[in-house]
Amino acid sequence: LYVDDAWGQRQRELYNAALASQGGRLRAAVPFDAGATEFTASLRGLFADRLTLAAMPEVPGQVAPSQSASPGPQALIVVASAQDARQIALALAYVGLRDLPVITTSQVWTGSPNPSTDADLDDLVFCDSPWSLNRTTAAGDGGPLAAARSASPQLDRQPPRLLALGADAYAIAAQLRFGHAVDSLPAGSTGRLDIDAAGAFHRHDLGCARFSAGVPETLP
């Protein structure tokens, strides 16, 4: 399920390419308008096989139909804002897909815990920069932003991704200014960074988390 705008369409193509590169396949892509509140029909259509198995009665001595492998999609990718993701999460519970693996984007996470608001996002998994999830760099330490936060606590009220991006950009710019070669920034606040032959930077080693009681818990 993806929001039908330029960002959502771009994310759909990126997920499709990422799945294909790892031998997976995007079975279907269903767009929706931002602010939509009705998702049950789309979910029932996408996961009809799973819902059919779940509704079948159990036979003593046999594997329960709900435990059998569904021939349909095995997970749901949600490309949406936090507001729309909450509506989709509620619809999943309503149609009986509470146990379905759901992957979403970091757009659902503000960077600051808000259990009362984010409880509806429980069990959704997303990936983000180390700093956004743990207030650490890819190397596991506080990095340059730790000292800045200590000196200026108000920084915690700013979007964490922008702070981390700024710290990494400053570190790279400092290296370039002094004529140093910048092949990589292994301890970047936004993740491990490296540069390709065309001069483009790429980010790796993002962390992932699952919402539990409205708060993201990092995954191993």
C-alpha atoms as a PDB file:
ATOM      1  CA  LEU A   1       0.000   0.000   0.000  1.00  0.00           C
ATOM      2  CA  TYR A   2       1.521   3.337  -0.986  1.00  0.00           C
ATOM      3  CA  VAL A   3       0.358   6.937  -0.899  1.00  0.00           C
ATOM      4  CA  ASP A   4      -0.348   8.076  -4.438  1.00  0.00           C
ATOM      5  CA  ASP A   5       2.022  11.004  -4.761  1.00  0.00           C
ATOM      6  CA  ALA A   6       5.510  11.513  -6.193  1.00  0.00           C
ATOM      7  CA  TRP A   7       7.219  10.333  -2.987  1.00  0.00           C
ATOM      8  CA  GLY A   8       5.017   7.251  -2.667  1.00  0.00           C
ATOM      9  CA  GLN A   9       5.494   6.280  -6.301  1.00  0.00           C
ATOM     10  CA  ARG A  10       9.257   6.662  -5.980  1.00  0.00           C
ATOM     11  CA  GLN A  11       9.277   4.488  -2.858  1.00  0.00           C
ATOM     12  CA  ARG A  12       7.196   1.852  -4.640  1.00  0.00           C
ATOM     13  CA  GLU A  13       9.780   1.594  -7.398  1.00  0.00           C
ATOM     14  CA  LEU A  14      12.659   1.449  -4.911  1.00  0.00           C
ATOM     15  CA  TYR A  15      11.018  -1.356  -2.917  1.00  0.00           C
ATOM     16  CA  ASN A  16      10.235  -3.232  -6.108  1.00  0.00           C
ATOM     17  CA  ALA A  17      13.870  -3.023  -7.238  1.00  0.00           C
ATOM     18  CA  ALA A  18      15.195  -3.982  -3.789  1.00  0.00           C
ATOM     19  CA  LEU A  19      12.959  -7.046  -3.597  1.00  0.00           C
ATOM     20  CA  ALA A  20      13.900  -8.140  -7.113  1.00  0.00           C
ATOM     21  CA  SER A  21      17.612  -7.809  -6.348  1.00  0.00           C
ATOM     22  CA  GLN A  22      17.199 -10.285  -3.481  1.00  0.00           C
ATOM     23  CA  GLY A  23      15.047 -12.783  -5.337  1.00  0.00           C
ATOM     24  CA  GLY A  24      11.716 -11.506  -4.057  1.00  0.00           C
ATOM     25  CA  ARG A  25       8.734 -10.124  -5.905  1.00  0.00           C
ATOM     26  CA  LEU A  26       6.216  -7.393  -5.284  1.00  0.00           C
ATOM     27  CA  ARG A  27       2.936  -9.237  -5.840  1.00  0.00           C
ATOM     28  CA  ALA A  28       0.777  -6.111  -6.042  1.00  0.00           C
ATOM     29  CA  ALA A  29       0.987  -2.362  -5.438  1.00  0.00           C
ATOM     30  CA  VAL A  30      -2.174  -0.561  -4.376  1.00  0.00           C
ATOM     31  CA  PRO A  31      -2.205   3.257  -4.217  1.00  0.00           C
ATOM     32  CA  PHE A  32      -4.324   5.352  -1.877  1.00  0.00           C
ATOM     33  CA  ASP A  33      -4.928   9.055  -1.373  1.00  0.00           C
ATOM     34  CA  ALA A  34      -3.310  10.804   1.584  1.00  0.00           C
ATOM     35  CA  GLY A  35      -5.807  11.107   4.413  1.00  0.00           C
ATOM     36  CA  ALA A  36      -7.821   8.059   3.338  1.00  0.00           C
ATOM     37  CA  THR A  37      -9.629   6.173   6.102  1.00  0.00           C
ATOM     38  CA  GLU A  38     -10.928   3.074   4.281  1.00  0.00           C
ATOM     39  CA  PHE A  39      -8.426   0.286   3.713  1.00  0.00           C
ATOM     40  CA  THR A  40     -10.380  -2.871   4.492  1.00  0.00           C
ATOM     41  CA  ALA A  41     -11.347  -3.606   0.889  1.00  0.00           C
ATOM     42  CA  SER A  42      -7.743  -3.283  -0.303  1.00  0.00           C
ATOM     43  CA  LEU A  43      -6.440  -5.496   2.499  1.00  0.00           C
ATOM     44  CA  ARG A  44      -9.066  -8.172   1.917  1.00  0.00           C
ATOM     45  CA  GLY A  45      -8.218  -8.207  -1.765  1.00  0.00           C
ATOM     46  CA  LEU A  46      -4.466  -8.398  -1.224  1.00  0.00           C
ATOM     47  CA  PHE A  47      -4.650 -11.123   1.427  1.00  0.00           C
ATOM     48  CA  ALA A  48      -7.720 -13.090   0.394  1.00  0.00           C
ATOM     49  CA  ASP A  49      -5.837 -16.417   0.525  1.00  0.00           C
ATOM     50  CA  ARG A  50      -4.544 -15.786   4.037  1.00  0.00           C
ATOM     51  CA  LEU A  51      -7.959 -14.725   5.295  1.00  0.00           C
ATOM     52  CA  THR A  52      -9.599 -17.772   3.713  1.00  0.00           C
ATOM     53  CA  LEU A  53      -7.175 -20.122   5.487  1.00  0.00           C
ATOM     54  CA  ALA A  54      -7.708 -18.315   8.780  1.00  0.00           C
ATOM     55  CA  ALA A  55     -11.474 -18.768   8.482  1.00  0.00           C
ATOM     56  CA  MET A  56     -11.322 -22.531   7.829  1.00  0.00           C
ATOM     57  CA  PRO A  57     -12.246 -24.777  10.783  1.00  0.00           C
ATOM     58  CA  GLU A  58      -9.540 -26.810  12.446  1.00  0.00           C
ATOM     59  CA  VAL A  59      -9.523 -30.604  12.063  1.00  0.00           C
ATOM     60  CA  PRO A  60      -8.308 -32.610  15.084  1.00  0.00           C
ATOM     61  CA  GLY A  61      -4.917 -34.191  14.455  1.00  0.00           C
ATOM     62  CA  GLN A  62      -4.123 -31.955  11.502  1.00  0.00           C
ATOM     63  CA  VAL A  63      -2.206 -28.732  11.145  1.00  0.00           C
ATOM     64  CA  ALA A  64      -4.533 -25.795  11.659  1.00  0.00           C
ATOM     65  CA  PRO A  65      -5.332 -24.062   8.333  1.00  0.00           C
ATOM     66  CA  SER A  66      -4.272 -20.743   9.831  1.00  0.00           C
ATOM     67  CA  GLN A  67      -0.781 -22.238  10.380  1.00  0.00           C
ATOM     68  CA  SER A  68      -0.433 -23.395   6.784  1.00  0.00           C
ATOM     69  CA  ALA A  69       1.680 -21.401   4.354  1.00  0.00           C
ATOM     70  CA  SER A  70      -0.482 -18.973   2.420  1.00  0.00           C
ATOM     71  CA  PRO A  71       0.050 -18.950  -1.368  1.00  0.00           C
ATOM     72  CA  GLY A  72      -0.483 -15.192  -1.419  1.00  0.00           C
ATOM     73  CA  PRO A  73       1.730 -12.294  -0.289  1.00  0.00           C
ATOM     74  CA  GLN A  74       3.724 -13.004   2.859  1.00  0.00           C
ATOM     75  CA  ALA A  75       4.043  -9.442   4.174  1.00  0.00           C
ATOM     76  CA  LEU A  76       2.753  -5.915   3.669  1.00  0.00           C
ATOM     77  CA  ILE A  77       4.836  -2.854   2.829  1.00  0.00           C
ATOM     78  CA  VAL A  78       3.243   0.421   3.879  1.00  0.00           C
ATOM     79  CA  VAL A  79       4.491   3.648   2.315  1.00  0.00           C
ATOM     80  CA  ALA A  80       2.618   6.295   4.225  1.00  0.00           C
ATOM     81  CA  SER A  81       2.697   9.104   6.732  1.00  0.00           C
ATOM     82  CA  ALA A  82       2.248   8.270  10.404  1.00  0.00           C
ATOM     83  CA  GLN A  83      -1.396   9.368  10.236  1.00  0.00           C
ATOM     84  CA  ASP A  84      -2.200   7.107   7.290  1.00  0.00           C
ATOM     85  CA  ALA A  85      -0.143   4.229   8.746  1.00  0.00           C
ATOM     86  CA  ARG A  86      -2.263   4.357  11.911  1.00  0.00           C
ATOM     87  CA  GLN A  87      -5.417   3.985   9.845  1.00  0.00           C
ATOM     88  CA  ILE A  88      -3.908   1.026   7.976  1.00  0.00           C
ATOM     89  CA  ALA A  89      -2.825  -0.617  11.250  1.00  0.00           C
ATOM     90  CA  LEU A  90      -6.359  -0.321  12.621  1.00  0.00           C
ATOM     91  CA  ALA A  91      -7.753  -1.805   9.400  1.00  0.00           C
ATOM     92  CA  LEU A  92      -5.327  -4.744   9.636  1.00  0.00           C
ATOM     93  CA  ALA A  93      -6.633  -5.583  13.104  1.00  0.00           C
ATOM     94  CA  TYR A  94     -10.239  -5.167  11.974  1.00  0.00           C
ATOM     95  CA  VAL A  95      -9.990  -7.614   9.051  1.00  0.00           C
ATOM     96  CA  GLY A  96      -8.029 -10.203  11.065  1.00  0.00           C
ATOM     97  CA  LEU A  97      -4.479  -9.584   9.832  1.00  0.00           C
ATOM     98  CA  ARG A  98      -2.957  -8.557  13.140  1.00  0.00           C
ATOM     99  CA  ASP A  99      -0.179 -11.189  12.821  1.00  0.00           C
ATOM    100  CA  LEU A 100       0.815 -10.157   9.286  1.00  0.00           C
ATOM    101  CA  PRO A 101       4.428  -8.861   9.045  1.00  0.00           C
ATOM    102  CA  VAL A 102       4.244  -5.164   8.175  1.00  0.00           C
ATOM    103  CA  ILE A 103       7.194  -3.061   7.025  1.00  0.00           C
ATOM    104  CA  THR A 104       6.893   0.689   6.748  1.00  0.00           C
ATOM    105  CA  THR A 105       9.159   3.696   6.210  1.00  0.00           C
ATOM    106  CA  SER A 106      10.857   5.969   8.729  1.00  0.00           C
ATOM    107  CA  GLN A 107       8.222   8.606   7.965  1.00  0.00           C
ATOM    108  CA  VAL A 108       6.068   7.070  10.709  1.00  0.00           C
ATOM    109  CA  TRP A 109       8.689   7.885  13.379  1.00  0.00           C
ATOM    110  CA  THR A 110       9.201  11.471  14.529  1.00  0.00           C
ATOM    111  CA  GLY A 111      12.375  10.639  16.436  1.00  0.00           C
ATOM    112  CA  SER A 112      10.771  11.368  19.819  1.00  0.00           C
ATOM    113  CA  PRO A 113       8.816   8.731  21.790  1.00  0.00           C
ATOM    114  CA  ASN A 114       5.071   9.383  21.969  1.00  0.00           C
ATOM    115  CA  PRO A 115       3.491   6.156  23.316  1.00  0.00           C
ATOM    116  CA  SER A 116      -0.060   7.461  23.569  1.00  0.00           C
ATOM    117  CA  THR A 117      -0.102   8.519  19.908  1.00  0.00           C
ATOM    118  CA  ASP A 118       2.004   5.734  18.424  1.00  0.00           C
ATOM    119  CA  ALA A 119       0.392   2.770  20.207  1.00  0.00           C
ATOM    120  CA  ASP A 120      -1.685   2.146  17.071  1.00  0.00           C
ATOM    121  CA  LEU A 121       1.583   1.463  15.206  1.00  0.00           C
ATOM    122  CA  ASP A 122       2.501  -1.519  17.403  1.00  0.00           C
ATOM    123  CA  ASP A 123       4.255  -4.359  15.539  1.00  0.00           C
ATOM    124  CA  LEU A 124       5.081  -2.209  12.507  1.00  0.00           C
ATOM    125  CA  VAL A 125       8.767  -2.445  11.553  1.00  0.00           C
ATOM    126  CA  PHE A 126      10.797   0.400  10.044  1.00  0.00           C
ATOM    127  CA  CYS A 127      14.469   1.201   9.479  1.00  0.00           C
ATOM    128  CA  ASP A 128      16.216   4.474  10.212  1.00  0.00           C
ATOM    129  CA  SER A 129      19.615   6.019  10.889  1.00  0.00           C
ATOM    130  CA  PRO A 130      21.465   4.970  14.042  1.00  0.00           C
ATOM    131  CA  TRP A 131      21.146   8.465  15.478  1.00  0.00           C
ATOM    132  CA  SER A 132      17.363   8.544  15.055  1.00  0.00           C
ATOM    133  CA  LEU A 133      16.931   5.187  16.779  1.00  0.00           C
ATOM    134  CA  ASN A 134      19.649   5.148  19.407  1.00  0.00           C
ATOM    135  CA  ARG A 135      21.239   8.602  19.505  1.00  0.00           C
ATOM    136  CA  THR A 136      24.491   6.935  18.388  1.00  0.00           C
ATOM    137  CA  THR A 137      26.575   6.735  15.237  1.00  0.00           C
ATOM    138  CA  ALA A 138      27.099   3.629  13.121  1.00  0.00           C
ATOM    139  CA  ALA A 139      30.130   2.892  15.304  1.00  0.00           C
ATOM    140  CA  GLY A 140      27.916   2.803  18.411  1.00  0.00           C
ATOM    141  CA  ASP A 141      29.139   5.980  20.117  1.00  0.00           C
ATOM    142  CA  GLY A 142      27.518   9.363  20.633  1.00  0.00           C
ATOM    143  CA  GLY A 143      29.542  11.023  17.895  1.00  0.00           C
ATOM    144  CA  PRO A 144      29.795  14.804  17.433  1.00  0.00           C
ATOM    145  CA  LEU A 145      26.140  15.363  18.282  1.00  0.00           C
ATOM    146  CA  ALA A 146      26.505  13.958  21.808  1.00  0.00           C
ATOM    147  CA  ALA A 147      28.597  16.933  22.943  1.00  0.00           C
ATOM    148  CA  ALA A 148      26.311  19.333  21.093  1.00  0.00           C
ATOM    149  CA  ARG A 149      23.234  17.931  22.855  1.00  0.00           C
ATOM    150  CA  SER A 150      24.965  18.222  26.205  1.00  0.00           C
ATOM    151  CA  ALA A 151      25.773  21.877  25.577  1.00  0.00           C
ATOM    152  CA  SER A 152      22.431  22.691  23.940  1.00  0.00           C
ATOM    153  CA  PRO A 153      19.586  20.432  25.203  1.00  0.00           C
ATOM    154  CA  GLN A 154      17.150  22.205  22.874  1.00  0.00           C
ATOM    155  CA  LEU A 155      18.679  20.217  20.024  1.00  0.00           C
ATOM    156  CA  ASP A 156      16.611  17.258  21.207  1.00  0.00           C
ATOM    157  CA  ARG A 157      13.537  19.165  20.101  1.00  0.00           C
ATOM    158  CA  GLN A 158      14.803  19.393  16.521  1.00  0.00           C
ATOM    159  CA  PRO A 159      14.213  16.709  13.841  1.00  0.00           C
ATOM    160  CA  PRO A 160      16.947  14.137  14.599  1.00  0.00           C
ATOM    161  CA  ARG A 161      17.506  13.174  10.967  1.00  0.00           C
ATOM    162  CA  LEU A 162      18.350  16.755   9.980  1.00  0.00           C
ATOM    163  CA  LEU A 163      20.769  17.083  12.889  1.00  0.00           C
ATOM    164  CA  ALA A 164      22.496  13.827  11.963  1.00  0.00           C
ATOM    165  CA  LEU A 165      22.626  14.747   8.283  1.00  0.00           C
ATOM    166  CA  GLY A 166      24.128  18.122   9.150  1.00  0.00           C
ATOM    167  CA  ALA A 167      26.777  16.514  11.361  1.00  0.00           C
ATOM    168  CA  ASP A 168      27.793  14.099   8.607  1.00  0.00           C
ATOM    169  CA  ALA A 169      27.840  16.848   5.976  1.00  0.00           C
ATOM    170  CA  TYR A 170      30.035  18.991   8.236  1.00  0.00           C
ATOM    171  CA  ALA A 171      32.448  16.111   8.851  1.00  0.00           C
ATOM    172  CA  ILE A 172      32.749  15.395   5.133  1.00  0.00           C
ATOM    173  CA  ALA A 173      33.103  19.077   4.231  1.00  0.00           C
ATOM    174  CA  ALA A 174      35.880  19.476   6.799  1.00  0.00           C
ATOM    175  CA  GLN A 175      37.806  16.612   5.239  1.00  0.00           C
ATOM    176  CA  LEU A 176      37.388  18.034   1.726  1.00  0.00           C
ATOM    177  CA  ARG A 177      38.333  21.544   2.859  1.00  0.00           C
ATOM    178  CA  PHE A 178      41.714  20.349   4.046  1.00  0.00           C
ATOM    179  CA  GLY A 179      42.291  18.414   0.842  1.00  0.00           C
ATOM    180  CA  HIS A 180      41.808  14.992   2.363  1.00  0.00           C
ATOM    181  CA  ALA A 181      40.420  12.147   0.284  1.00  0.00           C
ATOM    182  CA  VAL A 182      36.992  11.077   1.514  1.00  0.00           C
ATOM    183  CA  ASP A 183      36.477   7.441   0.621  1.00  0.00           C
ATOM    184  CA  SER A 184      34.202   6.678   3.533  1.00  0.00           C
ATOM    185  CA  LEU A 185      32.773   7.911   6.818  1.00  0.00           C
ATOM    186  CA  PRO A 186      32.345   4.646   8.732  1.00  0.00           C
ATOM    187  CA  ALA A 187      31.010   6.242  11.907  1.00  0.00           C
ATOM    188  CA  GLY A 188      28.465   8.591  10.358  1.00  0.00           C
ATOM    189  CA  SER A 189      25.490   9.682  12.451  1.00  0.00           C
ATOM    190  CA  THR A 190      23.185   8.711   9.594  1.00  0.00           C
ATOM    191  CA  GLY A 191      24.902   5.343   9.108  1.00  0.00           C
ATOM    192  CA  ARG A 192      28.059   4.105   7.438  1.00  0.00           C
ATOM    193  CA  LEU A 193      28.793   6.250   4.399  1.00  0.00           C
ATOM    194  CA  ASP A 194      30.948   5.563   1.386  1.00  0.00           C
ATOM    195  CA  ILE A 195      31.495   7.219  -1.964  1.00  0.00           C
ATOM    196  CA  ASP A 196      31.318   5.596  -5.388  1.00  0.00           C
ATOM    197  CA  ALA A 197      33.365   6.261  -8.513  1.00  0.00           C
ATOM    198  CA  ALA A 198      30.907   8.915  -9.651  1.00  0.00           C
ATOM    199  CA  GLY A 199      31.331  10.875  -6.438  1.00  0.00           C
ATOM    200  CA  ALA A 200      27.932   9.969  -4.986  1.00  0.00           C
ATOM    201  CA  PHE A 201      27.635   9.074  -1.312  1.00  0.00           C
ATOM    202  CA  HIS A 202      25.738   5.976  -0.225  1.00  0.00           C
ATOM    203  CA  ARG A 203      24.427   5.143   3.230  1.00  0.00           C
ATOM    204  CA  HIS A 204      24.569   1.663   4.754  1.00  0.00           C
ATOM    205  CA  ASP A 205      24.003  -0.134   8.053  1.00  0.00           C
ATOM    206  CA  LEU A 206      20.653   1.352   8.959  1.00  0.00           C
ATOM    207  CA  GLY A 207      19.068   0.012  12.116  1.00  0.00           C
ATOM    208  CA  CYS A 208      15.545  -1.385  12.277  1.00  0.00           C
ATOM    209  CA  ALA A 209      12.966  -1.210  15.045  1.00  0.00           C
ATOM    210  CA  ARG A 210       9.504  -2.530  15.871  1.00  0.00           C
ATOM    211  CA  PHE A 211       6.873  -0.462  17.639  1.00  0.00           C
ATOM    212  CA  SER A 212       5.886  -1.942  21.015  1.00  0.00           C
ATOM    213  CA  ALA A 213       3.565  -0.115  23.387  1.00  0.00           C
ATOM    214  CA  GLY A 214       3.938   2.892  21.123  1.00  0.00           C
ATOM    215  CA  VAL A 215       7.743   3.038  21.348  1.00  0.00           C
ATOM    216  CA  PRO A 216      10.250   1.693  18.780  1.00  0.00           C
ATOM    217  CA  GLU A 217      12.378  -1.175  20.102  1.00  0.00           C
ATOM    218  CA  THR A 218      15.516  -1.816  18.072  1.00  0.00           C
ATOM    219  CA  LEU A 219      15.863  -5.225  16.445  1.00  0.00           C
ATOM    220  CA  PRO A 220      19.027  -7.354  16.610  1.00  0.00           C
END
